[in-house]
Amino acid sequence: MIVLYVMSSGTAEENLRQIFRVFDINNDGQISVAELKRIVKDLFHLFNDQQSDANQETFVKSAFSEMDEDADGEVSQEEFIKACLSQKKFSTMLTLKIINIFISD
C-alpha cells in the first residue's frame, strides 16, 4: 500500500526513481546486466510468462542497450529515467511489468 501511495502522489520522474531502486539490487546506484537478468527472470516467473531463456536473454539485451546510453556496461539512474520517459520500447515494457506488481489484485 505504501508503494501505491508513493507512486500515486509523485511525479513521473520521482516514480521512476523509486522503480530504479527495485532494479538496483545491490544499491550501488547502477543497474548491471546481471541485475537486469535477475529482474527479468523473476518478472517472467511471477507473471507465469513461459518465455524461453533465449527470449528472456534477448529481452534483457534489448532493454539494456536502450537504457545504457553511454555504453559503459551499467545503467545509471538518469539513463534509466531518460529511457523510460522517452518511451523506449523494452524499457517501458519492463517498467510497466514492475508497476503491474503493485497494482494487481
PDB file of N, CA and C in Angstrom:
ATOM      1  N   MET A   1       0.812  -1.200   0.000  1.00  0.00           N
ATOM      2  CA  MET A   1       0.000   0.000   0.000  1.00  0.00           C
ATOM      3  C   MET A   1       0.856   1.264   0.000  1.00  0.00           C
ATOM      4  N   ILE A   2       1.946   1.251   0.733  1.00  0.00           N
ATOM      5  CA  ILE A   2       2.813   2.419   0.793  1.00  0.00           C
ATOM      6  C   ILE A   2       3.359   2.724  -0.591  1.00  0.00           C
ATOM      7  N   VAL A   3       3.724   1.676  -1.337  1.00  0.00           N
ATOM      8  CA  VAL A   3       4.259   1.870  -2.688  1.00  0.00           C
ATOM      9  C   VAL A   3       3.217   2.535  -3.574  1.00  0.00           C
ATOM     10  N   LEU A   4       1.965   2.086  -3.497  1.00  0.00           N
ATOM     11  CA  LEU A   4       0.910   2.699  -4.295  1.00  0.00           C
ATOM     12  C   LEU A   4       0.734   4.161  -3.934  1.00  0.00           C
ATOM     13  N   TYR A   5       0.796   4.472  -2.656  1.00  0.00           N
ATOM     14  CA  TYR A   5       0.656   5.856  -2.226  1.00  0.00           C
ATOM     15  C   TYR A   5       1.784   6.715  -2.785  1.00  0.00           C
ATOM     16  N   VAL A   6       3.001   6.228  -2.652  1.00  0.00           N
ATOM     17  CA  VAL A   6       4.159   6.975  -3.150  1.00  0.00           C
ATOM     18  C   VAL A   6       4.041   7.191  -4.644  1.00  0.00           C
ATOM     19  N   MET A   7       3.656   6.143  -5.388  1.00  0.00           N
ATOM     20  CA  MET A   7       3.592   6.252  -6.836  1.00  0.00           C
ATOM     21  C   MET A   7       2.425   7.113  -7.289  1.00  0.00           C
ATOM     22  N   SER A   8       1.355   7.180  -6.499  1.00  0.00           N
ATOM     23  CA  SER A   8       0.209   7.986  -6.915  1.00  0.00           C
ATOM     24  C   SER A   8       0.419   9.465  -6.639  1.00  0.00           C
ATOM     25  N   SER A   9       1.332   9.777  -5.739  1.00  0.00           N
ATOM     26  CA  SER A   9       1.492  11.176  -5.372  1.00  0.00           C
ATOM     27  C   SER A   9       2.737  11.825  -5.981  1.00  0.00           C
ATOM     28  N   GLY A  10       3.600  11.064  -6.587  1.00  0.00           N
ATOM     29  CA  GLY A  10       4.842  11.619  -7.126  1.00  0.00           C
ATOM     30  C   GLY A  10       4.742  11.961  -8.596  1.00  0.00           C
ATOM     31  N   THR A  11       5.739  12.698  -9.059  1.00  0.00           N
ATOM     32  CA  THR A  11       5.838  12.980 -10.490  1.00  0.00           C
ATOM     33  C   THR A  11       6.320  11.718 -11.199  1.00  0.00           C
ATOM     34  N   ALA A  12       6.249  11.715 -12.507  1.00  0.00           N
ATOM     35  CA  ALA A  12       6.727  10.563 -13.279  1.00  0.00           C
ATOM     36  C   ALA A  12       8.193  10.283 -12.960  1.00  0.00           C
ATOM     37  N   GLU A  13       9.001  11.330 -12.885  1.00  0.00           N
ATOM     38  CA  GLU A  13      10.423  11.164 -12.595  1.00  0.00           C
ATOM     39  C   GLU A  13      10.642  10.599 -11.191  1.00  0.00           C
ATOM     40  N   GLU A  14       9.894  11.083 -10.210  1.00  0.00           N
ATOM     41  CA  GLU A  14      10.021  10.556  -8.846  1.00  0.00           C
ATOM     42  C   GLU A  14       9.625   9.089  -8.783  1.00  0.00           C
ATOM     43  N   ASN A  15       8.558   8.735  -9.503  1.00  0.00           N
ATOM     44  CA  ASN A  15       8.122   7.336  -9.534  1.00  0.00           C
ATOM     45  C   ASN A  15       9.181   6.452 -10.191  1.00  0.00           C
ATOM     46  N   LEU A  16       9.794   6.939 -11.246  1.00  0.00           N
ATOM     47  CA  LEU A  16      10.839   6.167 -11.924  1.00  0.00           C
ATOM     48  C   LEU A  16      12.067   6.019 -11.035  1.00  0.00           C
ATOM     49  N   ARG A  17      12.366   7.006 -10.219  1.00  0.00           N
ATOM     50  CA  ARG A  17      13.479   6.882  -9.258  1.00  0.00           C
ATOM     51  C   ARG A  17      13.196   5.752  -8.268  1.00  0.00           C
ATOM     52  N   GLN A  18      11.950   5.623  -7.849  1.00  0.00           N
ATOM     53  CA  GLN A  18      11.576   4.538  -6.943  1.00  0.00           C
ATOM     54  C   GLN A  18      11.691   3.180  -7.648  1.00  0.00           C
ATOM     55  N   ILE A  19      11.237   3.122  -8.880  1.00  0.00           N
ATOM     56  CA  ILE A  19      11.321   1.878  -9.645  1.00  0.00           C
ATOM     57  C   ILE A  19      12.783   1.506  -9.888  1.00  0.00           C
ATOM     58  N   PHE A  20      13.622   2.501 -10.152  1.00  0.00           N
ATOM     59  CA  PHE A  20      15.048   2.247 -10.345  1.00  0.00           C
ATOM     60  C   PHE A  20      15.628   1.516  -9.134  1.00  0.00           C
ATOM     61  N   ARG A  21      15.186   1.888  -7.953  1.00  0.00           N
ATOM     62  CA  ARG A  21      15.690   1.253  -6.722  1.00  0.00           C
ATOM     63  C   ARG A  21      15.352  -0.235  -6.685  1.00  0.00           C
ATOM     64  N   VAL A  22      14.237  -0.625  -7.308  1.00  0.00           N
ATOM     65  CA  VAL A  22      13.881  -2.048  -7.400  1.00  0.00           C
ATOM     66  C   VAL A  22      14.882  -2.768  -8.300  1.00  0.00           C
ATOM     67  N   PHE A  23      15.246  -2.155  -9.392  1.00  0.00           N
ATOM     68  CA  PHE A  23      16.174  -2.746 -10.358  1.00  0.00           C
ATOM     69  C   PHE A  23      17.608  -2.791  -9.831  1.00  0.00           C
ATOM     70  N   ASP A  24      17.977  -1.810  -9.029  1.00  0.00           N
ATOM     71  CA  ASP A  24      19.337  -1.710  -8.489  1.00  0.00           C
ATOM     72  C   ASP A  24      19.447  -2.591  -7.241  1.00  0.00           C
ATOM     73  N   ILE A  25      19.574  -3.876  -7.462  1.00  0.00           N
ATOM     74  CA  ILE A  25      19.513  -4.875  -6.392  1.00  0.00           C
ATOM     75  C   ILE A  25      20.585  -4.657  -5.332  1.00  0.00           C
ATOM     76  N   ASN A  26      21.802  -4.325  -5.745  1.00  0.00           N
ATOM     77  CA  ASN A  26      22.892  -4.178  -4.771  1.00  0.00           C
ATOM     78  C   ASN A  26      23.065  -2.738  -4.272  1.00  0.00           C
ATOM     79  N   ASN A  27      22.156  -1.863  -4.667  1.00  0.00           N
ATOM     80  CA  ASN A  27      22.144  -0.465  -4.198  1.00  0.00           C
ATOM     81  C   ASN A  27      23.447   0.297  -4.451  1.00  0.00           C
ATOM     82  N   ASP A  28      24.064   0.043  -5.603  1.00  0.00           N
ATOM     83  CA  ASP A  28      25.303   0.774  -5.911  1.00  0.00           C
ATOM     84  C   ASP A  28      25.060   1.974  -6.827  1.00  0.00           C
ATOM     85  N   GLY A  29      23.796   2.251  -7.124  1.00  0.00           N
ATOM     86  CA  GLY A  29      23.471   3.395  -7.966  1.00  0.00           C
ATOM     87  C   GLY A  29      23.517   3.113  -9.447  1.00  0.00           C
ATOM     88  N   GLN A  30      23.740   1.864  -9.822  1.00  0.00           N
ATOM     89  CA  GLN A  30      23.820   1.439 -11.221  1.00  0.00           C
ATOM     90  C   GLN A  30      23.046   0.137 -11.387  1.00  0.00           C
ATOM     91  N   ILE A  31      22.542  -0.099 -12.571  1.00  0.00           N
ATOM     92  CA  ILE A  31      21.935  -1.391 -12.903  1.00  0.00           C
ATOM     93  C   ILE A  31      22.907  -2.116 -13.823  1.00  0.00           C
ATOM     94  N   SER A  32      23.335  -3.287 -13.398  1.00  0.00           N
ATOM     95  CA  SER A  32      24.235  -4.102 -14.225  1.00  0.00           C
ATOM     96  C   SER A  32      23.399  -5.060 -15.079  1.00  0.00           C
ATOM     97  N   VAL A  33      24.035  -5.683 -16.055  1.00  0.00           N
ATOM     98  CA  VAL A  33      23.357  -6.690 -16.873  1.00  0.00           C
ATOM     99  C   VAL A  33      22.875  -7.826 -15.974  1.00  0.00           C
ATOM    100  N   ALA A  34      23.691  -8.237 -15.011  1.00  0.00           N
ATOM    101  CA  ALA A  34      23.307  -9.328 -14.114  1.00  0.00           C
ATOM    102  C   ALA A  34      22.061  -8.970 -13.301  1.00  0.00           C
ATOM    103  N   GLU A  35      21.990  -7.731 -12.823  1.00  0.00           N
ATOM    104  CA  GLU A  35      20.811  -7.304 -12.069  1.00  0.00           C
ATOM    105  C   GLU A  35      19.570  -7.304 -12.960  1.00  0.00           C
ATOM    106  N   LEU A  36      19.722  -6.816 -14.184  1.00  0.00           N
ATOM    107  CA  LEU A  36      18.595  -6.783 -15.102  1.00  0.00           C
ATOM    108  C   LEU A  36      18.138  -8.197 -15.456  1.00  0.00           C
ATOM    109  N   LYS A  37      19.082  -9.115 -15.648  1.00  0.00           N
ATOM    110  CA  LYS A  37      18.734 -10.516 -15.931  1.00  0.00           C
ATOM    111  C   LYS A  37      17.914 -11.098 -14.791  1.00  0.00           C
ATOM    112  N   ARG A  38      18.341 -10.828 -13.572  1.00  0.00           N
ATOM    113  CA  ARG A  38      17.624 -11.363 -12.414  1.00  0.00           C
ATOM    114  C   ARG A  38      16.213 -10.800 -12.334  1.00  0.00           C
ATOM    115  N   ILE A  39      16.069  -9.495 -12.547  1.00  0.00           N
ATOM    116  CA  ILE A  39      14.752  -8.856 -12.509  1.00  0.00           C
ATOM    117  C   ILE A  39      13.846  -9.442 -13.589  1.00  0.00           C
ATOM    118  N   VAL A  40      14.355  -9.550 -14.811  1.00  0.00           N
ATOM    119  CA  VAL A  40      13.561 -10.075 -15.913  1.00  0.00           C
ATOM    120  C   VAL A  40      13.149 -11.514 -15.630  1.00  0.00           C
ATOM    121  N   LYS A  41      14.083 -12.341 -15.171  1.00  0.00           N
ATOM    122  CA  LYS A  41      13.760 -13.735 -14.859  1.00  0.00           C
ATOM    123  C   LYS A  41      12.663 -13.804 -13.799  1.00  0.00           C
ATOM    124  N   ASP A  42      12.799 -13.011 -12.741  1.00  0.00           N
ATOM    125  CA  ASP A  42      11.808 -13.010 -11.668  1.00  0.00           C
ATOM    126  C   ASP A  42      10.451 -12.495 -12.147  1.00  0.00           C
ATOM    127  N   LEU A  43      10.457 -11.455 -12.985  1.00  0.00           N
ATOM    128  CA  LEU A  43       9.204 -10.917 -13.513  1.00  0.00           C
ATOM    129  C   LEU A  43       8.497 -11.936 -14.403  1.00  0.00           C
ATOM    130  N   PHE A  44       9.240 -12.572 -15.275  1.00  0.00           N
ATOM    131  CA  PHE A  44       8.637 -13.567 -16.157  1.00  0.00           C
ATOM    132  C   PHE A  44       8.069 -14.718 -15.327  1.00  0.00           C
ATOM    133  N   HIS A  45       8.790 -15.120 -14.289  1.00  0.00           N
ATOM    134  CA  HIS A  45       8.310 -16.186 -13.407  1.00  0.00           C
ATOM    135  C   HIS A  45       7.056 -15.739 -12.653  1.00  0.00           C
ATOM    136  N   LEU A  46       7.078 -14.534 -12.123  1.00  0.00           N
ATOM    137  CA  LEU A  46       5.964 -14.000 -11.346  1.00  0.00           C
ATOM    138  C   LEU A  46       4.678 -13.941 -12.164  1.00  0.00           C
ATOM    139  N   PHE A  47       4.803 -13.572 -13.419  1.00  0.00           N
ATOM    140  CA  PHE A  47       3.630 -13.447 -14.280  1.00  0.00           C
ATOM    141  C   PHE A  47       3.358 -14.730 -15.082  1.00  0.00           C
ATOM    142  N   ASN A  48       4.024 -15.813 -14.700  1.00  0.00           N
ATOM    143  CA  ASN A  48       3.855 -17.101 -15.370  1.00  0.00           C
ATOM    144  C   ASN A  48       4.017 -16.988 -16.881  1.00  0.00           C
ATOM    145  N   ASP A  49       4.930 -16.135 -17.289  1.00  0.00           N
ATOM    146  CA  ASP A  49       5.227 -15.956 -18.701  1.00  0.00           C
ATOM    147  C   ASP A  49       6.177 -17.071 -19.108  1.00  0.00           C
ATOM    148  N   GLN A  50       5.766 -17.894 -20.024  1.00  0.00           N
ATOM    149  CA  GLN A  50       6.528 -19.083 -20.400  1.00  0.00           C
ATOM    150  C   GLN A  50       7.577 -18.820 -21.481  1.00  0.00           C
ATOM    151  N   GLN A  51       8.136 -17.620 -21.481  1.00  0.00           N
ATOM    152  CA  GLN A  51       9.178 -17.293 -22.448  1.00  0.00           C
ATOM    153  C   GLN A  51      10.407 -18.168 -22.197  1.00  0.00           C
ATOM    154  N   SER A  52      11.062 -18.562 -23.260  1.00  0.00           N
ATOM    155  CA  SER A  52      12.279 -19.359 -23.131  1.00  0.00           C
ATOM    156  C   SER A  52      13.411 -18.504 -22.576  1.00  0.00           C
ATOM    157  N   ASP A  53      14.444 -19.159 -22.085  1.00  0.00           N
ATOM    158  CA  ASP A  53      15.614 -18.436 -21.600  1.00  0.00           C
ATOM    159  C   ASP A  53      16.218 -17.568 -22.706  1.00  0.00           C
ATOM    160  N   ALA A  54      16.181 -18.068 -23.940  1.00  0.00           N
ATOM    161  CA  ALA A  54      16.725 -17.301 -25.064  1.00  0.00           C
ATOM    162  C   ALA A  54      15.917 -16.024 -25.282  1.00  0.00           C
ATOM    163  N   ASN A  55      14.594 -16.104 -25.166  1.00  0.00           N
ATOM    164  CA  ASN A  55      13.752 -14.918 -25.321  1.00  0.00           C
ATOM    165  C   ASN A  55      13.990 -13.929 -24.187  1.00  0.00           C
ATOM    166  N   GLN A  56      14.162 -14.442 -22.984  1.00  0.00           N
ATOM    167  CA  GLN A  56      14.463 -13.572 -21.853  1.00  0.00           C
ATOM    168  C   GLN A  56      15.797 -12.868 -22.068  1.00  0.00           C
ATOM    169  N   GLU A  57      16.778 -13.611 -22.555  1.00  0.00           N
ATOM    170  CA  GLU A  57      18.105 -13.038 -22.811  1.00  0.00           C
ATOM    171  C   GLU A  57      18.021 -11.943 -23.876  1.00  0.00           C
ATOM    172  N   THR A  58      17.243 -12.170 -24.918  1.00  0.00           N
ATOM    173  CA  THR A  58      17.051 -11.178 -25.962  1.00  0.00           C
ATOM    174  C   THR A  58      16.382  -9.925 -25.390  1.00  0.00           C
ATOM    175  N   PHE A  59      15.382 -10.136 -24.541  1.00  0.00           N
ATOM    176  CA  PHE A  59      14.693  -9.021 -23.903  1.00  0.00           C
ATOM    177  C   PHE A  59      15.665  -8.203 -23.050  1.00  0.00           C
ATOM    178  N   VAL A  60      16.497  -8.896 -22.252  1.00  0.00           N
ATOM    179  CA  VAL A  60      17.482  -8.219 -21.401  1.00  0.00           C
ATOM    180  C   VAL A  60      18.444  -7.403 -22.254  1.00  0.00           C
ATOM    181  N   LYS A  61      18.991  -8.012 -23.298  1.00  0.00           N
ATOM    182  CA  LYS A  61      19.948  -7.306 -24.161  1.00  0.00           C
ATOM    183  C   LYS A  61      19.322  -6.077 -24.805  1.00  0.00           C
ATOM    184  N   SER A  62      18.092  -6.218 -25.260  1.00  0.00           N
ATOM    185  CA  SER A  62      17.411  -5.095 -25.912  1.00  0.00           C
ATOM    186  C   SER A  62      17.134  -3.970 -24.920  1.00  0.00           C
ATOM    187  N   ALA A  63      16.601  -4.318 -23.760  1.00  0.00           N
ATOM    188  CA  ALA A  63      16.304  -3.302 -22.741  1.00  0.00           C
ATOM    189  C   ALA A  63      17.585  -2.616 -22.275  1.00  0.00           C
ATOM    190  N   PHE A  64      18.622  -3.416 -22.033  1.00  0.00           N
ATOM    191  CA  PHE A  64      19.869  -2.851 -21.531  1.00  0.00           C
ATOM    192  C   PHE A  64      20.498  -1.909 -22.553  1.00  0.00           C
ATOM    193  N   SER A  65      20.490  -2.305 -23.811  1.00  0.00           N
ATOM    194  CA  SER A  65      21.094  -1.444 -24.830  1.00  0.00           C
ATOM    195  C   SER A  65      20.315  -0.146 -25.006  1.00  0.00           C
ATOM    196  N   GLU A  66      18.990  -0.205 -24.819  1.00  0.00           N
ATOM    197  CA  GLU A  66      18.190   1.022 -24.865  1.00  0.00           C
ATOM    198  C   GLU A  66      18.568   1.977 -23.743  1.00  0.00           C
ATOM    199  N   MET A  67      18.761   1.423 -22.564  1.00  0.00           N
ATOM    200  CA  MET A  67      18.990   2.251 -21.379  1.00  0.00           C
ATOM    201  C   MET A  67      20.437   2.706 -21.234  1.00  0.00           C
ATOM    202  N   ASP A  68      21.393   1.860 -21.596  1.00  0.00           N
ATOM    203  CA  ASP A  68      22.808   2.174 -21.391  1.00  0.00           C
ATOM    204  C   ASP A  68      23.304   3.098 -22.496  1.00  0.00           C
ATOM    205  N   GLU A  69      22.897   4.343 -22.396  1.00  0.00           N
ATOM    206  CA  GLU A  69      23.154   5.310 -23.453  1.00  0.00           C
ATOM    207  C   GLU A  69      24.638   5.557 -23.710  1.00  0.00           C
ATOM    208  N   ASP A  70      25.454   5.561 -22.652  1.00  0.00           N
ATOM    209  CA  ASP A  70      26.886   5.820 -22.838  1.00  0.00           C
ATOM    210  C   ASP A  70      27.700   4.533 -23.040  1.00  0.00           C
ATOM    211  N   ALA A  71      27.021   3.401 -23.106  1.00  0.00           N
ATOM    212  CA  ALA A  71      27.637   2.097 -23.388  1.00  0.00           C
ATOM    213  C   ALA A  71      28.795   1.764 -22.452  1.00  0.00           C
ATOM    214  N   ASP A  72      28.641   2.106 -21.171  1.00  0.00           N
ATOM    215  CA  ASP A  72      29.696   1.792 -20.201  1.00  0.00           C
ATOM    216  C   ASP A  72      29.451   0.472 -19.458  1.00  0.00           C
ATOM    217  N   GLY A  73      28.400  -0.244 -19.838  1.00  0.00           N
ATOM    218  CA  GLY A  73      28.115  -1.538 -19.224  1.00  0.00           C
ATOM    219  C   GLY A  73      27.272  -1.455 -17.969  1.00  0.00           C
ATOM    220  N   GLU A  74      26.817  -0.260 -17.620  1.00  0.00           N
ATOM    221  CA  GLU A  74      25.937  -0.069 -16.474  1.00  0.00           C
ATOM    222  C   GLU A  74      24.919   1.012 -16.813  1.00  0.00           C
ATOM    223  N   VAL A  75      23.748   0.906 -16.196  1.00  0.00           N
ATOM    224  CA  VAL A  75      22.704   1.898 -16.421  1.00  0.00           C
ATOM    225  C   VAL A  75      22.587   2.752 -15.170  1.00  0.00           C
ATOM    226  N   SER A  76      22.814   4.052 -15.342  1.00  0.00           N
ATOM    227  CA  SER A  76      22.674   4.979 -14.215  1.00  0.00           C
ATOM    228  C   SER A  76      21.198   5.308 -14.025  1.00  0.00           C
ATOM    229  N   GLN A  77      20.905   5.912 -12.894  1.00  0.00           N
ATOM    230  CA  GLN A  77      19.523   6.308 -12.626  1.00  0.00           C
ATOM    231  C   GLN A  77      19.033   7.287 -13.701  1.00  0.00           C
ATOM    232  N   GLU A  78      19.874   8.216 -14.086  1.00  0.00           N
ATOM    233  CA  GLU A  78      19.481   9.193 -15.102  1.00  0.00           C
ATOM    234  C   GLU A  78      19.232   8.531 -16.456  1.00  0.00           C
ATOM    235  N   GLU A  79      20.075   7.569 -16.836  1.00  0.00           N
ATOM    236  CA  GLU A  79      19.869   6.846 -18.098  1.00  0.00           C
ATOM    237  C   GLU A  79      18.548   6.087 -18.055  1.00  0.00           C
ATOM    238  N   PHE A  80      18.274   5.443 -16.924  1.00  0.00           N
ATOM    239  CA  PHE A  80      17.040   4.679 -16.747  1.00  0.00           C
ATOM    240  C   PHE A  80      15.822   5.594 -16.905  1.00  0.00           C
ATOM    241  N   ILE A  81      15.842   6.716 -16.208  1.00  0.00           N
ATOM    242  CA  ILE A  81      14.716   7.651 -16.254  1.00  0.00           C
ATOM    243  C   ILE A  81      14.536   8.201 -17.666  1.00  0.00           C
ATOM    244  N   LYS A  82      15.627   8.560 -18.303  1.00  0.00           N
ATOM    245  CA  LYS A  82      15.559   9.113 -19.664  1.00  0.00           C
ATOM    246  C   LYS A  82      14.964   8.088 -20.640  1.00  0.00           C
ATOM    247  N   ALA A  83      15.399   6.826 -20.534  1.00  0.00           N
ATOM    248  CA  ALA A  83      14.890   5.781 -21.428  1.00  0.00           C
ATOM    249  C   ALA A  83      13.394   5.576 -21.222  1.00  0.00           C
ATOM    250  N   CYS A  84      12.962   5.567 -19.973  1.00  0.00           N
ATOM    251  CA  CYS A  84      11.537   5.355 -19.688  1.00  0.00           C
ATOM    252  C   CYS A  84      10.695   6.552 -20.107  1.00  0.00           C
ATOM    253  N   LEU A  85      11.168   7.752 -19.823  1.00  0.00           N
ATOM    254  CA  LEU A  85      10.403   8.947 -20.189  1.00  0.00           C
ATOM    255  C   LEU A  85      10.321   9.147 -21.699  1.00  0.00           C
ATOM    256  N   SER A  86      11.335   8.681 -22.413  1.00  0.00           N
ATOM    257  CA  SER A  86      11.288   8.800 -23.873  1.00  0.00           C
ATOM    258  C   SER A  86      10.535   7.626 -24.491  1.00  0.00           C
ATOM    259  N   GLN A  87       9.985   6.782 -23.630  1.00  0.00           N
ATOM    260  CA  GLN A  87       9.128   5.656 -24.012  1.00  0.00           C
ATOM    261  C   GLN A  87       9.793   4.698 -24.986  1.00  0.00           C
ATOM    262  N   LYS A  88      11.034   4.373 -24.698  1.00  0.00           N
ATOM    263  CA  LYS A  88      11.711   3.355 -25.482  1.00  0.00           C
ATOM    264  C   LYS A  88      11.026   2.011 -25.211  1.00  0.00           C
ATOM    265  N   LYS A  89      10.893   1.210 -26.219  1.00  0.00           N
ATOM    266  CA  LYS A  89      10.046   0.021 -26.208  1.00  0.00           C
ATOM    267  C   LYS A  89      10.301  -0.928 -25.036  1.00  0.00           C
ATOM    268  N   PHE A  90      11.485  -1.479 -24.918  1.00  0.00           N
ATOM    269  CA  PHE A  90      11.752  -2.503 -23.908  1.00  0.00           C
ATOM    270  C   PHE A  90      11.836  -1.912 -22.509  1.00  0.00           C
ATOM    271  N   SER A  91      12.367  -0.713 -22.401  1.00  0.00           N
ATOM    272  CA  SER A  91      12.452  -0.042 -21.103  1.00  0.00           C
ATOM    273  C   SER A  91      11.057   0.193 -20.540  1.00  0.00           C
ATOM    274  N   THR A  92      10.162   0.636 -21.392  1.00  0.00           N
ATOM    275  CA  THR A  92       8.787   0.893 -20.973  1.00  0.00           C
ATOM    276  C   THR A  92       8.080  -0.405 -20.602  1.00  0.00           C
ATOM    277  N   MET A  93       8.257  -1.455 -21.396  1.00  0.00           N
ATOM    278  CA  MET A  93       7.631  -2.744 -21.092  1.00  0.00           C
ATOM    279  C   MET A  93       8.076  -3.252 -19.731  1.00  0.00           C
ATOM    280  N   LEU A  94       9.357  -3.148 -19.452  1.00  0.00           N
ATOM    281  CA  LEU A  94       9.907  -3.622 -18.188  1.00  0.00           C
ATOM    282  C   LEU A  94       9.363  -2.814 -17.017  1.00  0.00           C
ATOM    283  N   THR A  95       9.309  -1.525 -17.164  1.00  0.00           N
ATOM    284  CA  THR A  95       8.793  -0.653 -16.109  1.00  0.00           C
ATOM    285  C   THR A  95       7.320  -0.934 -15.846  1.00  0.00           C
ATOM    286  N   LEU A  96       6.560  -1.147 -16.898  1.00  0.00           N
ATOM    287  CA  LEU A  96       5.137  -1.440 -16.724  1.00  0.00           C
ATOM    288  C   LEU A  96       4.922  -2.770 -16.009  1.00  0.00           C
ATOM    289  N   LYS A  97       5.791  -3.746 -16.258  1.00  0.00           N
ATOM    290  CA  LYS A  97       5.677  -5.018 -15.532  1.00  0.00           C
ATOM    291  C   LYS A  97       5.889  -4.810 -14.034  1.00  0.00           C
ATOM    292  N   ILE A  98       6.839  -3.965 -13.672  1.00  0.00           N
ATOM    293  CA  ILE A  98       7.072  -3.669 -12.265  1.00  0.00           C
ATOM    294  C   ILE A  98       5.863  -2.969 -11.663  1.00  0.00           C
ATOM    295  N   ILE A  99       5.312  -2.002 -12.367  1.00  0.00           N
ATOM    296  CA  ILE A  99       4.131  -1.277 -11.874  1.00  0.00           C
ATOM    297  C   ILE A  99       2.970  -2.241 -11.683  1.00  0.00           C
ATOM    298  N   ASN A 100       2.815  -3.183 -12.602  1.00  0.00           N
ATOM    299  CA  ASN A 100       1.714  -4.162 -12.503  1.00  0.00           C
ATOM    300  C   ASN A 100       1.792  -4.986 -11.220  1.00  0.00           C
ATOM    301  N   ILE A 101       2.968  -5.204 -10.720  1.00  0.00           N
ATOM    302  CA  ILE A 101       3.114  -5.949  -9.465  1.00  0.00           C
ATOM    303  C   ILE A 101       2.389  -5.227  -8.344  1.00  0.00           C
ATOM    304  N   PHE A 102       2.512  -3.912  -8.319  1.00  0.00           N
ATOM    305  CA  PHE A 102       1.963  -3.136  -7.229  1.00  0.00           C
ATOM    306  C   PHE A 102       0.488  -2.793  -7.380  1.00  0.00           C
ATOM    307  N   ILE A 103      -0.042  -2.904  -8.603  1.00  0.00           N
ATOM    308  CA  ILE A 103      -1.447  -2.546  -8.773  1.00  0.00           C
ATOM    309  C   ILE A 103      -2.339  -3.746  -9.053  1.00  0.00           C
ATOM    310  N   SER A 104      -1.762  -4.939  -9.190  1.00  0.00           N
ATOM    311  CA  SER A 104      -2.584  -6.119  -9.434  1.00  0.00           C
ATOM    312  C   SER A 104      -3.210  -6.602  -8.131  1.00  0.00           C
ATOM    313  N   ASP A 105      -4.307  -7.315  -8.271  1.00  0.00           N
ATOM    314  CA  ASP A 105      -5.034  -7.815  -7.085  1.00  0.00           C
ATOM    315  C   ASP A 105      -4.289  -8.939  -6.416  1.00  0.00           C
TER     316      ASP A 105
END
